[in-house]
Amino acid sequence: MLASDIADIQGGTTAEGIHLAAMAGSIDLLQRCFSGLETRGDRLVFSPQWPEKLGALEFPIVYRGH
């Protein structure tokens, strides 16, 4: 689950909000690693590694305007 650290669990370093880079890294992990999404030349390639017990993985993709 992605969540904000607005409760300041870092001992004073995050009272102003979220660690956006950490959240972006989590999304990147889901999209590239678990979905197996990568670009090769001018095409998209998927090689999913998503655990079936977690249910369906869905996310929108826009590639070259489509």
N, C-alpha and C. Protein backbone atom coordinates (compact mmCIF):
# COMPACT_ATOMS: atom_id res chain seq x y z
N MET A 1 0.83 -1.17 0.00
CA MET A 1 0.00 0.00 0.00
C MET A 1 0.88 1.24 0.00
N LEU A 2 0.60 2.17 -0.87
CA LEU A 2 1.30 3.44 -0.87
C LEU A 2 0.58 4.38 0.09
N ALA A 3 1.33 5.03 0.94
CA ALA A 3 0.72 5.93 1.90
C ALA A 3 1.65 7.11 2.17
N SER A 4 1.09 8.17 2.62
CA SER A 4 1.84 9.36 2.97
C SER A 4 2.53 9.16 4.33
N ASP A 5 3.65 9.82 4.50
CA ASP A 5 4.28 9.80 5.82
C ASP A 5 4.01 11.12 6.54
N ILE A 6 2.83 11.64 6.34
CA ILE A 6 2.41 12.91 6.94
C ILE A 6 2.44 12.84 8.46
N ALA A 7 2.35 11.63 9.03
CA ALA A 7 2.41 11.47 10.48
C ALA A 7 3.83 11.66 11.00
N ASP A 8 4.77 11.92 10.11
CA ASP A 8 6.15 12.23 10.48
C ASP A 8 6.85 11.07 11.17
N ILE A 9 6.90 9.95 10.51
CA ILE A 9 7.56 8.79 11.10
C ILE A 9 9.08 8.84 11.01
N GLN A 10 9.63 9.89 10.41
CA GLN A 10 11.08 10.01 10.25
C GLN A 10 11.72 10.89 11.33
N GLY A 11 11.02 11.18 12.39
CA GLY A 11 11.60 11.93 13.49
C GLY A 11 11.87 13.40 13.19
N GLY A 12 10.99 14.03 12.43
CA GLY A 12 11.13 15.46 12.19
C GLY A 12 11.51 15.84 10.78
N THR A 13 11.78 14.89 9.93
CA THR A 13 12.24 15.24 8.59
C THR A 13 11.15 15.28 7.54
N THR A 14 9.95 14.82 7.86
CA THR A 14 8.91 14.76 6.83
C THR A 14 7.58 15.36 7.27
N ALA A 15 7.60 16.24 8.20
CA ALA A 15 6.35 16.82 8.69
C ALA A 15 5.60 17.57 7.60
N GLU A 16 6.33 18.03 6.58
CA GLU A 16 5.70 18.81 5.53
C GLU A 16 5.00 17.97 4.46
N GLY A 17 5.14 16.67 4.47
CA GLY A 17 4.42 15.90 3.45
C GLY A 17 4.99 14.52 3.18
N ILE A 18 4.99 14.15 1.91
CA ILE A 18 5.32 12.79 1.50
C ILE A 18 6.73 12.70 0.91
N HIS A 19 7.24 11.50 0.84
CA HIS A 19 8.48 11.23 0.12
C HIS A 19 8.07 10.84 -1.30
N LEU A 20 7.96 11.83 -2.17
CA LEU A 20 7.48 11.58 -3.52
C LEU A 20 8.38 10.60 -4.26
N ALA A 21 9.68 10.69 -4.07
CA ALA A 21 10.60 9.79 -4.77
C ALA A 21 10.38 8.34 -4.35
N ALA A 22 10.10 8.11 -3.07
CA ALA A 22 9.84 6.75 -2.61
C ALA A 22 8.55 6.21 -3.22
N MET A 23 7.53 7.06 -3.31
CA MET A 23 6.27 6.62 -3.92
C MET A 23 6.47 6.36 -5.41
N ALA A 24 7.23 7.22 -6.08
CA ALA A 24 7.50 7.02 -7.51
C ALA A 24 8.27 5.73 -7.72
N GLY A 25 9.20 5.43 -6.84
CA GLY A 25 9.94 4.17 -6.93
C GLY A 25 9.05 2.98 -6.77
N SER A 26 8.05 3.08 -5.91
CA SER A 26 7.09 1.98 -5.73
C SER A 26 6.27 1.76 -7.00
N ILE A 27 5.83 2.83 -7.62
CA ILE A 27 5.08 2.73 -8.87
C ILE A 27 5.96 2.15 -9.97
N ASP A 28 7.20 2.61 -10.02
CA ASP A 28 8.15 2.09 -11.02
C ASP A 28 8.35 0.59 -10.85
N LEU A 29 8.46 0.16 -9.61
CA LEU A 29 8.62 -1.27 -9.32
C LEU A 29 7.42 -2.06 -9.85
N LEU A 30 6.22 -1.56 -9.58
CA LEU A 30 5.02 -2.24 -10.05
C LEU A 30 4.97 -2.29 -11.57
N GLN A 31 5.23 -1.13 -12.19
CA GLN A 31 5.05 -1.06 -13.64
C GLN A 31 6.14 -1.79 -14.41
N ARG A 32 7.38 -1.66 -14.00
CA ARG A 32 8.45 -2.28 -14.78
C ARG A 32 8.77 -3.69 -14.34
N CYS A 33 8.84 -3.92 -13.06
CA CYS A 33 9.26 -5.24 -12.58
C CYS A 33 8.11 -6.25 -12.59
N PHE A 34 7.02 -5.93 -11.90
CA PHE A 34 5.92 -6.88 -11.82
C PHE A 34 5.20 -7.05 -13.15
N SER A 35 5.06 -5.97 -13.92
CA SER A 35 4.39 -6.09 -15.22
C SER A 35 5.34 -6.57 -16.29
N GLY A 36 6.63 -6.43 -16.04
CA GLY A 36 7.61 -6.80 -17.05
C GLY A 36 7.63 -5.82 -18.21
N LEU A 37 7.11 -4.61 -17.99
CA LEU A 37 7.01 -3.61 -19.05
C LEU A 37 8.37 -3.03 -19.39
N GLU A 38 8.70 -3.06 -20.66
CA GLU A 38 9.92 -2.41 -21.12
C GLU A 38 9.75 -2.01 -22.58
N THR A 39 10.56 -1.08 -23.01
CA THR A 39 10.56 -0.69 -24.41
C THR A 39 11.76 -1.32 -25.09
N ARG A 40 11.53 -1.83 -26.26
CA ARG A 40 12.61 -2.39 -27.08
C ARG A 40 12.44 -1.80 -28.47
N GLY A 41 13.35 -0.91 -28.80
CA GLY A 41 13.22 -0.23 -30.09
C GLY A 41 11.95 0.60 -30.11
N ASP A 42 11.06 0.28 -31.02
CA ASP A 42 9.81 1.04 -31.16
C ASP A 42 8.59 0.27 -30.67
N ARG A 43 8.80 -0.70 -29.78
CA ARG A 43 7.66 -1.48 -29.30
C ARG A 43 7.71 -1.67 -27.79
N LEU A 44 6.54 -1.97 -27.24
CA LEU A 44 6.42 -2.30 -25.83
C LEU A 44 6.45 -3.81 -25.67
N VAL A 45 7.11 -4.28 -24.63
CA VAL A 45 7.20 -5.70 -24.35
C VAL A 45 6.75 -5.92 -22.91
N PHE A 46 5.88 -6.91 -22.70
CA PHE A 46 5.41 -7.27 -21.37
C PHE A 46 5.85 -8.70 -21.04
N SER A 47 6.35 -8.87 -19.85
CA SER A 47 6.69 -10.19 -19.34
C SER A 47 6.29 -10.22 -17.87
N PRO A 48 4.97 -10.32 -17.60
CA PRO A 48 4.47 -10.15 -16.23
C PRO A 48 5.01 -11.18 -15.24
N GLN A 49 5.29 -10.68 -14.05
CA GLN A 49 5.73 -11.51 -12.93
C GLN A 49 4.85 -11.25 -11.71
N TRP A 50 3.61 -10.89 -11.94
CA TRP A 50 2.67 -10.53 -10.88
C TRP A 50 2.15 -11.78 -10.19
N PRO A 51 2.22 -11.85 -8.88
CA PRO A 51 1.69 -13.02 -8.16
C PRO A 51 0.17 -13.15 -8.34
N GLU A 52 -0.30 -14.27 -8.82
CA GLU A 52 -1.73 -14.48 -9.07
C GLU A 52 -2.58 -14.27 -7.83
N LYS A 53 -2.05 -14.61 -6.67
CA LYS A 53 -2.85 -14.49 -5.45
C LYS A 53 -3.18 -13.04 -5.10
N LEU A 54 -2.52 -12.08 -5.74
CA LEU A 54 -2.81 -10.66 -5.50
C LEU A 54 -3.93 -10.14 -6.40
N GLY A 55 -4.46 -10.98 -7.26
CA GLY A 55 -5.54 -10.55 -8.15
C GLY A 55 -4.99 -9.87 -9.39
N ALA A 56 -5.85 -9.17 -10.08
CA ALA A 56 -5.48 -8.54 -11.35
C ALA A 56 -4.64 -7.28 -11.12
N LEU A 57 -3.72 -7.05 -12.02
CA LEU A 57 -2.92 -5.82 -12.03
C LEU A 57 -3.35 -5.05 -13.26
N GLU A 58 -3.85 -3.84 -13.05
CA GLU A 58 -4.30 -3.00 -14.15
C GLU A 58 -3.75 -1.60 -13.98
N PHE A 59 -3.33 -1.01 -15.08
CA PHE A 59 -2.93 0.39 -15.08
C PHE A 59 -2.99 0.91 -16.50
N PRO A 60 -3.31 2.19 -16.65
CA PRO A 60 -3.38 2.76 -18.00
C PRO A 60 -1.98 3.01 -18.56
N ILE A 61 -1.86 2.91 -19.86
CA ILE A 61 -0.60 3.18 -20.54
C ILE A 61 -0.89 4.08 -21.74
N VAL A 62 -0.09 5.11 -21.88
CA VAL A 62 -0.10 5.93 -23.08
C VAL A 62 1.28 5.79 -23.69
N TYR A 63 1.34 5.30 -24.92
CA TYR A 63 2.62 5.09 -25.58
C TYR A 63 2.56 5.75 -26.95
N ARG A 64 3.42 6.71 -27.14
CA ARG A 64 3.47 7.45 -28.40
C ARG A 64 2.12 8.03 -28.78
N GLY A 65 1.43 8.56 -27.77
CA GLY A 65 0.14 9.21 -27.99
C GLY A 65 -1.06 8.29 -28.14
N HIS A 66 -0.85 7.01 -27.96
CA HIS A 66 -1.96 6.05 -28.09
C HIS A 66 -2.20 5.34 -26.78
